C-alpha cells in the first residue's frame, strides 16, 4: 500500500510515534534523571526547620518539607495533564486523565477505549510518550521529573504479572537456595520486581546493560 493510500488515522498515529522516538534525547534524559532512575530508591529531601516565630504547627504525619514535595508533584501532574490533553486532541483520541501522587513521583493515567496506538508493541510508544511528558514538565519547571505515565491500564496490568513472576522466582530461590536470573526487562519492570522481592525478604540486583539488563534474585544474605 502506498503512503497516499494509507488511512489518515494510521498515518497520524505513526507521526506521533515517530515524533516520540525522534525527539532530542539529551534534554529527555535530563528530564527523567541521569542513569537508571527507576532502579534506584531515592530519599526525599530533608525537612527544612521552621522559624521559631511561625504560629502554624506542622502536621505530625506530614511535615512542611513533605507537604511542599506533594504540592510540587501535584504541579507536575497538572503540567503533564495539559500536555497529554493536547496530544489526545492532535491524535483525535478520547480519554479521561487521572492524576495522583504515588510515593515520590507524580502519576498520570489516560483511561479510555482505542488507546492501543499510544501504548505500542510491548509498551514502546508508552515509554517514549512518558519521556516526552517528563520533558514537558522539565521545560516548565526546570526540575527533573520521575513522573509515571500509564495508558489504558497497561502498566497496572503489567505490574500484576511482574509481581506474580517475582513471587515465583522467590519460591524457586527459597526452595533451591540458588540465585535465579530473570529475562531482560525495562527499568520500570525491574523496579516492580525489586520491590516485590524485597517484600518477600530476599535480595535482588540488576545485572548487564540495556537492552538486556535483567534482575537476579538471590537468597537472603
N, C-alpha and C. Protein backbone atom coordinates (compact mmCIF):
# COMPACT_ATOMS: atom_id res chain seq x y z
N UNK A 1 0.85 -1.20 0.00
CA UNK A 1 0.00 0.00 0.00
C UNK A 1 0.88 1.24 0.00
N UNK A 2 0.58 2.19 -0.85
CA UNK A 2 1.40 3.41 -0.94
C UNK A 2 1.08 4.33 0.21
N UNK A 3 1.98 5.30 0.46
CA UNK A 3 1.77 6.29 1.53
C UNK A 3 0.48 7.05 1.33
N UNK A 4 0.15 7.36 0.08
CA UNK A 4 -1.04 8.14 -0.22
C UNK A 4 -2.30 7.36 0.10
N UNK A 5 -2.24 5.98 -0.05
CA UNK A 5 -3.42 5.15 0.15
C UNK A 5 -3.65 4.81 1.61
N UNK A 6 -2.70 5.09 2.48
CA UNK A 6 -2.82 4.68 3.87
C UNK A 6 -3.86 5.54 4.57
N UNK A 7 -4.60 4.96 5.52
CA UNK A 7 -5.62 5.74 6.24
C UNK A 7 -5.00 6.91 6.97
N UNK A 8 -5.72 8.01 7.02
CA UNK A 8 -5.19 9.21 7.67
C UNK A 8 -4.94 8.98 9.13
N UNK A 9 -5.84 8.20 9.79
CA UNK A 9 -5.68 7.98 11.23
C UNK A 9 -4.42 7.21 11.52
N UNK A 10 -4.15 6.15 10.71
CA UNK A 10 -2.93 5.37 10.93
C UNK A 10 -1.70 6.22 10.74
N UNK A 11 -1.73 7.06 9.68
CA UNK A 11 -0.58 7.93 9.43
C UNK A 11 -0.37 8.89 10.58
N UNK A 12 -1.49 9.40 11.13
CA UNK A 12 -1.37 10.35 12.23
C UNK A 12 -0.77 9.70 13.45
N UNK A 13 -1.19 8.45 13.73
CA UNK A 13 -0.63 7.73 14.87
C UNK A 13 0.84 7.46 14.67
N UNK A 14 1.23 7.12 13.45
CA UNK A 14 2.64 6.86 13.17
C UNK A 14 3.46 8.13 13.33
N UNK A 15 2.84 9.27 12.97
CA UNK A 15 3.56 10.54 13.14
C UNK A 15 3.84 10.80 14.61
N UNK A 16 2.86 10.48 15.48
CA UNK A 16 3.05 10.68 16.92
C UNK A 16 4.16 9.78 17.42
N UNK A 17 4.14 8.50 16.97
CA UNK A 17 5.19 7.56 17.38
C UNK A 17 6.54 8.03 16.92
N UNK A 18 6.63 8.47 15.67
CA UNK A 18 7.92 8.92 15.14
C UNK A 18 8.42 10.13 15.89
N UNK A 19 7.50 11.04 16.22
CA UNK A 19 7.90 12.23 16.97
C UNK A 19 8.40 11.85 18.34
N UNK A 20 7.73 10.85 18.96
CA UNK A 20 8.15 10.43 20.30
C UNK A 20 9.53 9.83 20.27
N UNK A 21 9.79 8.94 19.29
CA UNK A 21 11.07 8.26 19.23
C UNK A 21 12.17 9.19 18.75
N UNK A 22 11.83 10.16 17.88
CA UNK A 22 12.85 11.01 17.28
C UNK A 22 13.16 12.26 18.06
N UNK A 23 12.48 12.50 19.19
CA UNK A 23 12.73 13.72 19.97
C UNK A 23 14.17 13.77 20.45
N UNK A 24 14.71 14.95 20.58
CA UNK A 24 16.08 15.12 21.08
C UNK A 24 16.26 14.38 22.38
N UNK A 25 17.20 13.46 22.46
CA UNK A 25 17.36 12.60 23.62
C UNK A 25 18.06 13.28 24.77
N UNK A 26 18.91 14.26 24.53
CA UNK A 26 19.68 14.87 25.61
C UNK A 26 18.80 15.55 26.64
N UNK A 27 17.87 16.44 26.27
CA UNK A 27 17.01 17.03 27.29
C UNK A 27 16.07 16.02 27.90
N UNK A 28 15.65 15.00 27.16
CA UNK A 28 14.77 13.98 27.71
C UNK A 28 15.47 13.24 28.82
N UNK A 29 16.74 12.95 28.64
CA UNK A 29 17.49 12.26 29.68
C UNK A 29 17.59 13.11 30.92
N UNK A 30 17.76 14.41 30.73
CA UNK A 30 17.84 15.29 31.88
C UNK A 30 16.52 15.33 32.61
N UNK A 31 15.40 15.27 31.86
CA UNK A 31 14.10 15.34 32.49
C UNK A 31 13.79 14.12 33.31
N UNK A 32 14.22 12.93 32.85
CA UNK A 32 13.88 11.70 33.54
C UNK A 32 14.91 11.31 34.57
N UNK A 33 16.06 11.96 34.61
CA UNK A 33 17.07 11.66 35.61
C UNK A 33 18.22 10.91 34.99
N UNK A 34 19.44 11.19 35.44
CA UNK A 34 20.61 10.53 34.89
C UNK A 34 20.64 9.10 35.35
N UNK A 35 21.18 8.22 34.50
CA UNK A 35 21.34 6.83 34.88
C UNK A 35 19.99 6.14 34.90
N UNK A 36 19.90 5.12 35.75
CA UNK A 36 18.70 4.30 35.79
C UNK A 36 17.87 4.69 36.98
N UNK A 37 17.11 5.75 36.86
CA UNK A 37 16.39 6.30 37.99
C UNK A 37 15.35 5.36 38.56
N UNK A 38 14.72 4.50 37.72
CA UNK A 38 13.67 3.64 38.21
C UNK A 38 14.21 2.45 38.97
N UNK A 39 15.51 2.19 38.88
CA UNK A 39 16.09 1.08 39.60
C UNK A 39 16.61 1.50 40.96
N UNK A 40 16.66 2.78 41.23
CA UNK A 40 17.32 3.29 42.43
C UNK A 40 16.31 3.93 43.35
N UNK A 41 16.33 3.54 44.61
CA UNK A 41 15.48 4.18 45.60
C UNK A 41 16.06 5.55 45.92
N UNK A 42 15.24 6.55 45.94
CA UNK A 42 15.71 7.89 46.24
C UNK A 42 15.04 8.39 47.50
N UNK A 43 15.81 9.02 48.37
CA UNK A 43 15.25 9.55 49.60
C UNK A 43 14.70 10.93 49.36
N UNK A 44 13.66 11.27 50.11
CA UNK A 44 13.04 12.59 49.96
C UNK A 44 13.95 13.64 50.55
N UNK A 45 13.76 14.88 50.09
CA UNK A 45 14.55 15.98 50.62
C UNK A 45 14.31 16.10 52.12
N UNK A 46 15.36 16.42 52.85
CA UNK A 46 15.21 16.58 54.29
C UNK A 46 14.36 17.80 54.59
N UNK A 47 13.66 17.74 55.74
CA UNK A 47 12.79 18.85 56.11
C UNK A 47 13.62 20.06 56.49
N UNK A 48 13.16 21.21 56.03
CA UNK A 48 13.81 22.46 56.45
C UNK A 48 13.22 22.87 57.79
N UNK A 49 14.03 23.36 58.74
CA UNK A 49 13.49 23.75 60.05
C UNK A 49 12.56 24.94 59.92
N UNK A 50 11.50 24.92 60.70
CA UNK A 50 10.55 26.04 60.69
C UNK A 50 11.06 27.14 61.60
N UNK A 51 10.74 28.38 61.24
CA UNK A 51 11.15 29.52 62.05
C UNK A 51 10.43 29.53 63.39
N UNK A 52 11.11 29.99 64.43
CA UNK A 52 10.54 29.97 65.77
C UNK A 52 9.31 30.85 65.86
N UNK A 53 9.23 31.88 65.00
CA UNK A 53 8.12 32.81 65.11
C UNK A 53 6.88 32.38 64.36
N UNK A 54 6.91 31.23 63.66
CA UNK A 54 5.76 30.81 62.89
C UNK A 54 4.71 30.22 63.82
N UNK A 55 3.48 30.64 63.64
CA UNK A 55 2.41 30.21 64.54
C UNK A 55 1.88 28.83 64.18
N UNK A 56 1.88 28.50 62.88
CA UNK A 56 1.29 27.24 62.45
C UNK A 56 2.20 26.07 62.77
N UNK A 57 1.64 25.04 63.42
CA UNK A 57 2.40 23.85 63.75
C UNK A 57 2.35 22.87 62.58
N UNK A 58 3.46 22.19 62.29
CA UNK A 58 3.45 21.22 61.20
C UNK A 58 2.62 20.00 61.54
N UNK A 59 1.97 19.43 60.55
CA UNK A 59 1.23 18.20 60.74
C UNK A 59 2.20 17.12 61.20
N UNK A 60 1.85 16.32 62.23
CA UNK A 60 2.78 15.30 62.72
C UNK A 60 3.07 14.22 61.71
N UNK A 61 2.13 13.97 60.78
CA UNK A 61 2.34 12.93 59.78
C UNK A 61 2.94 13.48 58.49
N UNK A 62 2.69 14.75 58.22
CA UNK A 62 3.20 15.36 57.00
C UNK A 62 3.87 16.67 57.36
N UNK A 63 5.19 16.66 57.47
CA UNK A 63 5.94 17.85 57.83
C UNK A 63 5.92 18.85 56.71
N UNK A 64 6.44 20.05 56.95
CA UNK A 64 6.43 21.11 55.93
C UNK A 64 7.18 20.70 54.67
N UNK A 65 8.29 19.98 54.84
CA UNK A 65 9.05 19.55 53.67
C UNK A 65 8.27 18.57 52.82
N UNK A 66 7.60 17.63 53.46
CA UNK A 66 6.81 16.64 52.74
C UNK A 66 5.60 17.27 52.06
N UNK A 67 4.95 18.20 52.75
CA UNK A 67 3.79 18.87 52.16
C UNK A 67 4.19 19.65 50.91
N UNK A 68 5.34 20.29 50.96
CA UNK A 68 5.83 21.03 49.80
C UNK A 68 6.16 20.09 48.65
N UNK A 69 6.71 18.92 48.99
CA UNK A 69 7.04 17.93 47.97
C UNK A 69 5.78 17.42 47.27
N UNK A 70 4.74 17.14 48.05
CA UNK A 70 3.48 16.68 47.47
C UNK A 70 2.90 17.75 46.55
N UNK A 71 2.95 19.00 46.98
CA UNK A 71 2.45 20.10 46.16
C UNK A 71 3.22 20.18 44.84
N UNK A 72 4.54 19.98 44.90
CA UNK A 72 5.36 20.01 43.69
C UNK A 72 4.96 18.89 42.74
N UNK A 73 4.74 17.69 43.28
CA UNK A 73 4.37 16.55 42.45
C UNK A 73 2.98 16.74 41.84
N UNK A 74 2.07 17.33 42.59
CA UNK A 74 0.75 17.63 42.04
C UNK A 74 0.86 18.63 40.89
N UNK A 75 1.78 19.58 41.03
CA UNK A 75 2.02 20.53 39.95
C UNK A 75 2.56 19.84 38.70
N UNK A 76 3.45 18.87 38.89
CA UNK A 76 3.96 18.10 37.75
C UNK A 76 2.80 17.38 37.06
N UNK A 77 1.88 16.83 37.85
CA UNK A 77 0.74 16.14 37.27
C UNK A 77 -0.13 17.07 36.44
N UNK A 78 -0.32 18.29 36.91
CA UNK A 78 -1.11 19.27 36.16
C UNK A 78 -0.45 19.62 34.83
N UNK A 79 0.86 19.83 34.85
CA UNK A 79 1.58 20.15 33.61
C UNK A 79 1.49 18.98 32.64
N UNK A 80 1.67 17.78 33.16
CA UNK A 80 1.60 16.58 32.31
C UNK A 80 0.21 16.43 31.71
N UNK A 81 -0.82 16.69 32.50
CA UNK A 81 -2.19 16.55 32.01
C UNK A 81 -2.46 17.52 30.86
N UNK A 82 -1.99 18.75 30.99
CA UNK A 82 -2.17 19.73 29.92
C UNK A 82 -1.49 19.26 28.63
N UNK A 83 -0.28 18.74 28.77
CA UNK A 83 0.47 18.26 27.61
C UNK A 83 -0.25 17.09 26.95
N UNK A 84 -0.72 16.16 27.76
CA UNK A 84 -1.36 14.96 27.22
C UNK A 84 -2.72 15.26 26.61
N UNK A 85 -3.43 16.24 27.15
CA UNK A 85 -4.71 16.64 26.56
C UNK A 85 -4.50 17.16 25.13
N UNK A 86 -3.45 17.94 24.94
CA UNK A 86 -3.14 18.44 23.60
C UNK A 86 -2.79 17.28 22.67
N UNK A 87 -2.04 16.32 23.19
CA UNK A 87 -1.66 15.16 22.37
C UNK A 87 -2.90 14.38 21.95
N UNK A 88 -3.83 14.16 22.87
CA UNK A 88 -5.05 13.43 22.53
C UNK A 88 -5.86 14.18 21.48
N UNK A 89 -5.89 15.50 21.57
CA UNK A 89 -6.61 16.29 20.57
C UNK A 89 -5.96 16.14 19.19
N UNK A 90 -4.63 16.19 19.16
CA UNK A 90 -3.92 16.05 17.89
C UNK A 90 -4.17 14.69 17.27
N UNK A 91 -4.18 13.65 18.11
CA UNK A 91 -4.38 12.28 17.62
C UNK A 91 -5.85 11.95 17.41
N UNK A 92 -6.74 12.89 17.76
CA UNK A 92 -8.18 12.67 17.65
C UNK A 92 -8.60 11.42 18.43
N UNK A 93 -8.07 11.31 19.66
CA UNK A 93 -8.40 10.19 20.54
C UNK A 93 -9.08 10.72 21.79
N UNK A 94 -10.05 9.95 22.28
CA UNK A 94 -10.72 10.33 23.52
C UNK A 94 -10.04 9.66 24.70
N UNK A 95 -10.29 10.19 25.89
CA UNK A 95 -9.71 9.60 27.09
C UNK A 95 -9.82 10.54 28.27
N UNK A 96 -9.98 9.95 29.44
CA UNK A 96 -10.01 10.73 30.67
C UNK A 96 -8.65 10.67 31.34
N UNK A 97 -8.27 11.75 31.99
CA UNK A 97 -6.97 11.83 32.67
C UNK A 97 -7.15 11.75 34.17
N UNK A 98 -6.46 10.80 34.79
CA UNK A 98 -6.46 10.65 36.24
C UNK A 98 -5.08 11.02 36.75
N UNK A 99 -5.02 11.87 37.78
CA UNK A 99 -3.74 12.30 38.34
C UNK A 99 -3.66 11.92 39.81
N UNK A 100 -2.47 11.52 40.24
CA UNK A 100 -2.28 11.11 41.63
C UNK A 100 -0.81 11.30 41.98
N UNK A 101 -0.49 11.11 43.25
CA UNK A 101 0.89 11.09 43.73
C UNK A 101 1.13 9.72 44.34
N UNK A 102 2.09 8.99 43.80
CA UNK A 102 2.40 7.65 44.29
C UNK A 102 3.83 7.65 44.82
N UNK A 103 3.95 7.62 46.14
CA UNK A 103 5.27 7.63 46.73
C UNK A 103 5.98 8.94 46.45
N UNK A 104 7.11 8.85 45.75
CA UNK A 104 7.91 10.05 45.48
C UNK A 104 7.81 10.50 44.04
N UNK A 105 6.69 10.19 43.38
CA UNK A 105 6.54 10.62 41.99
C UNK A 105 5.07 10.91 41.68
N UNK A 106 4.89 11.77 40.68
CA UNK A 106 3.54 12.02 40.16
C UNK A 106 3.15 10.87 39.25
N UNK A 107 1.86 10.58 39.21
CA UNK A 107 1.35 9.51 38.36
C UNK A 107 0.16 10.03 37.57
N UNK A 108 0.20 9.83 36.27
CA UNK A 108 -0.89 10.26 35.39
C UNK A 108 -1.32 9.07 34.54
N UNK A 109 -2.63 8.85 34.47
CA UNK A 109 -3.16 7.75 33.67
C UNK A 109 -4.17 8.28 32.66
N UNK A 110 -4.09 7.76 31.45
CA UNK A 110 -5.09 8.05 30.43
C UNK A 110 -6.01 6.83 30.36
N UNK A 111 -7.28 7.04 30.63
CA UNK A 111 -8.25 5.95 30.67
C UNK A 111 -9.26 6.14 29.54
N UNK A 112 -9.49 5.08 28.78
CA UNK A 112 -10.45 5.17 27.69
C UNK A 112 -10.30 4.00 26.73
N UNK A 113 -11.06 4.04 25.67
CA UNK A 113 -11.02 2.99 24.65
C UNK A 113 -10.21 3.45 23.45
N UNK A 114 -9.70 2.49 22.70
CA UNK A 114 -8.98 2.80 21.46
C UNK A 114 -7.64 3.46 21.67
N UNK A 115 -6.99 3.18 22.82
CA UNK A 115 -5.71 3.83 23.12
C UNK A 115 -4.50 2.97 22.79
N UNK A 116 -4.73 1.82 22.17
CA UNK A 116 -3.61 0.92 21.85
C UNK A 116 -2.50 1.58 21.05
N UNK A 117 -2.82 2.48 20.08
CA UNK A 117 -1.73 3.12 19.33
C UNK A 117 -0.79 3.93 20.22
N UNK A 118 -1.27 4.39 21.38
CA UNK A 118 -0.42 5.16 22.28
C UNK A 118 0.35 4.27 23.25
N UNK A 119 0.07 2.98 23.21
CA UNK A 119 0.82 2.02 24.03
C UNK A 119 1.93 1.38 23.20
N UNK A 120 1.55 0.90 22.01
CA UNK A 120 2.54 0.31 21.12
C UNK A 120 2.93 -1.10 21.50
N UNK A 121 3.73 -1.71 20.68
CA UNK A 121 4.18 -3.08 20.89
C UNK A 121 5.08 -3.16 22.12
N UNK A 122 4.65 -3.94 23.10
CA UNK A 122 5.44 -4.07 24.32
C UNK A 122 5.56 -2.79 25.12
N UNK A 123 4.65 -1.83 24.87
CA UNK A 123 4.69 -0.57 25.60
C UNK A 123 5.74 0.41 25.10
N UNK A 124 6.26 0.18 23.89
CA UNK A 124 7.34 1.03 23.37
C UNK A 124 6.90 2.48 23.19
N UNK A 125 5.71 2.68 22.63
CA UNK A 125 5.23 4.05 22.42
C UNK A 125 4.91 4.70 23.77
N UNK A 126 4.36 3.93 24.68
CA UNK A 126 4.08 4.44 26.03
C UNK A 126 5.36 4.95 26.70
N UNK A 127 6.43 4.18 26.59
CA UNK A 127 7.70 4.59 27.19
C UNK A 127 8.20 5.90 26.58
N UNK A 128 8.07 6.01 25.24
CA UNK A 128 8.52 7.23 24.57
C UNK A 128 7.66 8.43 24.98
N UNK A 129 6.35 8.22 25.08
CA UNK A 129 5.46 9.30 25.48
C UNK A 129 5.71 9.71 26.93
N UNK A 130 6.06 8.76 27.76
CA UNK A 130 6.39 9.10 29.15
C UNK A 130 7.61 10.02 29.20
N UNK A 131 8.62 9.71 28.39
CA UNK A 131 9.81 10.56 28.36
C UNK A 131 9.48 11.96 27.84
N UNK A 132 8.62 12.03 26.83
CA UNK A 132 8.22 13.34 26.31
C UNK A 132 7.41 14.13 27.34
N UNK A 133 6.58 13.42 28.10
CA UNK A 133 5.81 14.09 29.15
C UNK A 133 6.72 14.60 30.25
N UNK A 134 7.71 13.80 30.61
CA UNK A 134 8.69 14.26 31.60
C UNK A 134 9.45 15.48 31.08
N UNK A 135 9.74 15.46 29.80
CA UNK A 135 10.43 16.60 29.19
C UNK A 135 9.57 17.85 29.25
N UNK A 136 8.26 17.70 29.01
CA UNK A 136 7.34 18.84 29.10
C UNK A 136 7.35 19.42 30.50
N UNK A 137 7.40 18.56 31.51
CA UNK A 137 7.46 19.02 32.90
C UNK A 137 8.78 19.74 33.15
N UNK A 138 9.87 19.17 32.64
CA UNK A 138 11.20 19.76 32.83
C UNK A 138 11.28 21.15 32.21
N UNK A 139 10.72 21.30 31.02
CA UNK A 139 10.76 22.59 30.34
C UNK A 139 9.97 23.65 31.12
N UNK A 140 8.93 23.22 31.82
CA UNK A 140 8.09 24.15 32.56
C UNK A 140 8.68 24.50 33.93
N UNK A 141 9.30 23.52 34.57
CA UNK A 141 9.75 23.71 35.96
C UNK A 141 11.25 23.82 36.11
N UNK A 142 12.01 23.32 35.13
CA UNK A 142 13.46 23.29 35.27
C UNK A 142 13.95 22.20 36.19
N UNK A 143 13.02 21.33 36.63
CA UNK A 143 13.37 20.23 37.54
C UNK A 143 13.16 18.90 36.83
N UNK A 144 14.07 17.95 37.10
CA UNK A 144 13.91 16.62 36.54
C UNK A 144 12.70 15.93 37.16
N UNK A 145 11.97 15.19 36.34
CA UNK A 145 10.75 14.54 36.80
C UNK A 145 10.86 13.03 36.69
N UNK A 146 10.27 12.33 37.65
CA UNK A 146 10.19 10.87 37.60
C UNK A 146 8.73 10.45 37.42
N UNK A 147 7.95 11.31 36.82
CA UNK A 147 6.53 11.06 36.59
C UNK A 147 6.31 9.72 35.90
N UNK A 148 5.28 9.02 36.35
CA UNK A 148 4.92 7.74 35.74
C UNK A 148 3.64 7.90 34.94
N UNK A 149 3.69 7.47 33.68
CA UNK A 149 2.53 7.55 32.80
C UNK A 149 1.99 6.16 32.52
N UNK A 150 0.68 6.02 32.62
CA UNK A 150 0.02 4.77 32.24
C UNK A 150 -1.06 5.11 31.23
N UNK A 151 -1.26 4.22 30.28
CA UNK A 151 -2.27 4.42 29.24
C UNK A 151 -3.10 3.15 29.10
N UNK A 152 -4.40 3.29 29.23
CA UNK A 152 -5.28 2.14 29.06
C UNK A 152 -5.06 1.03 30.07
N UNK A 153 -4.49 1.36 31.22
CA UNK A 153 -4.25 0.35 32.25
C UNK A 153 -3.12 -0.61 31.94
N UNK A 154 -2.29 -0.27 30.94
CA UNK A 154 -1.22 -1.18 30.53
C UNK A 154 -0.24 -1.46 31.66
N UNK A 155 0.23 -0.41 32.31
CA UNK A 155 1.22 -0.62 33.38
C UNK A 155 0.59 -1.33 34.58
N UNK A 156 -0.65 -1.00 34.90
CA UNK A 156 -1.31 -1.63 36.04
C UNK A 156 -1.41 -3.14 35.84
N UNK A 157 -1.79 -3.54 34.64
CA UNK A 157 -1.89 -4.97 34.35
C UNK A 157 -0.52 -5.63 34.33
N UNK A 158 0.45 -4.93 33.76
CA UNK A 158 1.81 -5.45 33.71
C UNK A 158 2.37 -5.62 35.11
N UNK A 159 2.06 -4.68 35.99
CA UNK A 159 2.55 -4.76 37.37
C UNK A 159 2.08 -6.05 38.04
N UNK A 160 0.81 -6.41 37.83
CA UNK A 160 0.29 -7.64 38.42
C UNK A 160 1.07 -8.86 37.94
N UNK A 161 1.35 -8.91 36.65
CA UNK A 161 2.09 -10.04 36.09
C UNK A 161 3.51 -10.09 36.63
N UNK A 162 4.14 -8.93 36.78
CA UNK A 162 5.51 -8.88 37.28
C UNK A 162 5.60 -9.31 38.74
N UNK A 163 4.62 -8.91 39.54
CA UNK A 163 4.61 -9.32 40.95
C UNK A 163 4.46 -10.83 41.04
N UNK A 164 3.59 -11.41 40.20
CA UNK A 164 3.42 -12.86 40.19
C UNK A 164 4.72 -13.54 39.78
N UNK A 165 5.41 -12.99 38.78
CA UNK A 165 6.69 -13.54 38.34
C UNK A 165 7.73 -13.47 39.46
N UNK A 166 7.76 -12.35 40.16
CA UNK A 166 8.72 -12.18 41.25
C UNK A 166 8.46 -13.18 42.36
N UNK A 167 7.20 -13.40 42.69
CA UNK A 167 6.86 -14.36 43.75
C UNK A 167 7.27 -15.77 43.35
N UNK A 168 7.09 -16.11 42.08
CA UNK A 168 7.51 -17.43 41.61
C UNK A 168 9.02 -17.58 41.72
N UNK A 169 9.76 -16.52 41.37
CA UNK A 169 11.22 -16.57 41.49
C UNK A 169 11.64 -16.70 42.95
N UNK A 170 10.93 -16.02 43.84
CA UNK A 170 11.22 -16.12 45.27
C UNK A 170 11.04 -17.55 45.75
N UNK A 171 9.97 -18.20 45.31
CA UNK A 171 9.73 -19.59 45.70
C UNK A 171 10.85 -20.50 45.19
N UNK A 172 11.29 -20.27 43.95
CA UNK A 172 12.37 -21.09 43.38
C UNK A 172 13.67 -20.91 44.17
N UNK A 173 13.99 -19.67 44.49
CA UNK A 173 15.23 -19.38 45.23
C UNK A 173 15.16 -19.95 46.64
N UNK A 174 14.01 -19.80 47.28
CA UNK A 174 13.85 -20.31 48.64
C UNK A 174 13.95 -21.83 48.66
N UNK A 175 13.38 -22.48 47.65
CA UNK A 175 13.41 -23.93 47.61
C UNK A 175 14.76 -24.52 47.26
N UNK A 176 15.48 -23.87 46.34
CA UNK A 176 16.76 -24.42 45.86
C UNK A 176 17.97 -23.83 46.55
N UNK A 177 17.84 -22.61 47.04
CA UNK A 177 18.98 -21.93 47.64
C UNK A 177 19.90 -21.30 46.61
N UNK A 178 19.53 -21.41 45.33
CA UNK A 178 20.34 -20.86 44.24
C UNK A 178 19.70 -19.58 43.70
N UNK A 179 20.54 -18.72 43.15
CA UNK A 179 20.04 -17.48 42.54
C UNK A 179 19.27 -17.79 41.26
N UNK A 180 18.32 -16.95 40.94
CA UNK A 180 17.52 -17.10 39.73
C UNK A 180 17.65 -15.82 38.91
N UNK A 181 18.01 -15.99 37.64
CA UNK A 181 18.16 -14.86 36.73
C UNK A 181 16.93 -14.75 35.85
N UNK A 182 16.29 -13.60 35.85
CA UNK A 182 15.08 -13.40 35.08
C UNK A 182 15.40 -12.83 33.69
N UNK A 183 14.39 -12.80 32.84
CA UNK A 183 14.56 -12.29 31.48
C UNK A 183 14.82 -10.78 31.51
N UNK A 184 15.43 -10.23 30.45
CA UNK A 184 15.67 -8.79 30.38
C UNK A 184 14.37 -8.00 30.54
N UNK A 185 14.48 -6.87 31.22
CA UNK A 185 13.30 -6.04 31.49
C UNK A 185 13.65 -4.57 31.36
N UNK A 186 12.61 -3.77 31.27
CA UNK A 186 12.78 -2.31 31.27
C UNK A 186 13.03 -1.84 32.70
N UNK A 187 13.49 -0.60 32.89
CA UNK A 187 13.69 -0.08 34.25
C UNK A 187 12.42 -0.17 35.10
N UNK A 188 11.28 0.17 34.53
CA UNK A 188 10.02 0.08 35.28
C UNK A 188 9.76 -1.34 35.74
N UNK A 189 9.93 -2.30 34.85
CA UNK A 189 9.67 -3.70 35.18
C UNK A 189 10.62 -4.19 36.26
N UNK A 190 11.88 -3.81 36.15
CA UNK A 190 12.86 -4.24 37.16
C UNK A 190 12.53 -3.66 38.52
N UNK A 191 12.09 -2.40 38.54
CA UNK A 191 11.75 -1.76 39.82
C UNK A 191 10.61 -2.51 40.51
N UNK A 192 9.60 -2.90 39.75
CA UNK A 192 8.48 -3.64 40.33
C UNK A 192 8.96 -4.96 40.92
N UNK A 193 9.83 -5.67 40.18
CA UNK A 193 10.35 -6.95 40.66
C UNK A 193 11.20 -6.76 41.91
N UNK A 194 12.08 -5.76 41.90
CA UNK A 194 12.92 -5.49 43.08
C UNK A 194 12.05 -5.26 44.31
N UNK A 195 11.00 -4.48 44.17
CA UNK A 195 10.13 -4.17 45.30
C UNK A 195 9.43 -5.43 45.81
N UNK A 196 8.94 -6.27 44.90
CA UNK A 196 8.24 -7.49 45.30
C UNK A 196 9.19 -8.47 45.99
N UNK A 197 10.42 -8.57 45.50
CA UNK A 197 11.41 -9.46 46.12
C UNK A 197 11.77 -8.96 47.51
N UNK A 198 11.91 -7.65 47.66
CA UNK A 198 12.26 -7.08 48.97
C UNK A 198 11.16 -7.35 49.99
N UNK A 199 9.90 -7.25 49.57
CA UNK A 199 8.78 -7.54 50.47
C UNK A 199 8.83 -8.98 50.95
N UNK A 200 9.29 -9.89 50.08
CA UNK A 200 9.39 -11.31 50.43
C UNK A 200 10.60 -11.61 51.31
N UNK A 201 11.47 -10.63 51.51
CA UNK A 201 12.61 -10.82 52.40
C UNK A 201 13.86 -11.34 51.73
N UNK A 202 13.87 -11.41 50.39
CA UNK A 202 15.06 -11.84 49.67
C UNK A 202 15.76 -10.62 49.07
N UNK A 203 16.90 -10.85 48.45
CA UNK A 203 17.64 -9.75 47.83
C UNK A 203 17.63 -9.91 46.32
N UNK A 204 17.83 -8.80 45.62
CA UNK A 204 17.88 -8.83 44.16
C UNK A 204 18.76 -7.70 43.68
N UNK A 205 19.26 -7.84 42.48
CA UNK A 205 20.08 -6.80 41.87
C UNK A 205 19.95 -6.87 40.37
N UNK A 206 20.23 -5.76 39.71
CA UNK A 206 20.20 -5.72 38.25
C UNK A 206 21.59 -5.97 37.71
N UNK A 207 21.66 -6.75 36.65
CA UNK A 207 22.93 -7.06 36.00
C UNK A 207 22.83 -6.82 34.51
N UNK A 208 23.97 -6.53 33.88
CA UNK A 208 24.02 -6.34 32.44
C UNK A 208 23.78 -4.90 32.04
N UNK A 209 23.69 -4.69 30.73
CA UNK A 209 23.47 -3.35 30.18
C UNK A 209 22.24 -3.39 29.28
N UNK A 210 21.64 -2.23 29.09
CA UNK A 210 20.47 -2.14 28.23
C UNK A 210 20.84 -2.56 26.80
N UNK A 211 19.97 -3.23 26.08
CA UNK A 211 18.59 -3.55 26.45
C UNK A 211 18.44 -4.94 27.07
N UNK A 212 19.54 -5.58 27.49
CA UNK A 212 19.47 -6.92 28.05
C UNK A 212 19.67 -6.93 29.56
N UNK A 213 19.55 -5.77 30.20
CA UNK A 213 19.71 -5.70 31.65
C UNK A 213 18.57 -6.47 32.33
N UNK A 214 18.91 -7.25 33.34
CA UNK A 214 17.92 -8.13 33.95
C UNK A 214 18.07 -8.15 35.47
N UNK A 215 17.13 -8.79 36.13
CA UNK A 215 17.12 -8.92 37.59
C UNK A 215 17.59 -10.31 37.98
N UNK A 216 18.45 -10.36 38.99
CA UNK A 216 18.89 -11.63 39.57
C UNK A 216 18.38 -11.66 41.00
N UNK A 217 17.60 -12.68 41.32
CA UNK A 217 17.05 -12.85 42.66
C UNK A 217 17.94 -13.81 43.43
N UNK A 218 18.35 -13.40 44.63
CA UNK A 218 19.29 -14.20 45.42
C UNK A 218 18.69 -14.51 46.80
N UNK A 219 19.22 -15.56 47.45
CA UNK A 219 18.77 -15.86 48.81
C UNK A 219 19.07 -14.70 49.74
N UNK A 220 18.31 -14.61 50.82
CA UNK A 220 18.54 -13.54 51.79
C UNK A 220 19.94 -13.65 52.35
N UNK A 221 20.64 -12.53 52.44
CA UNK A 221 22.02 -12.54 52.93
C UNK A 221 22.06 -12.50 54.45
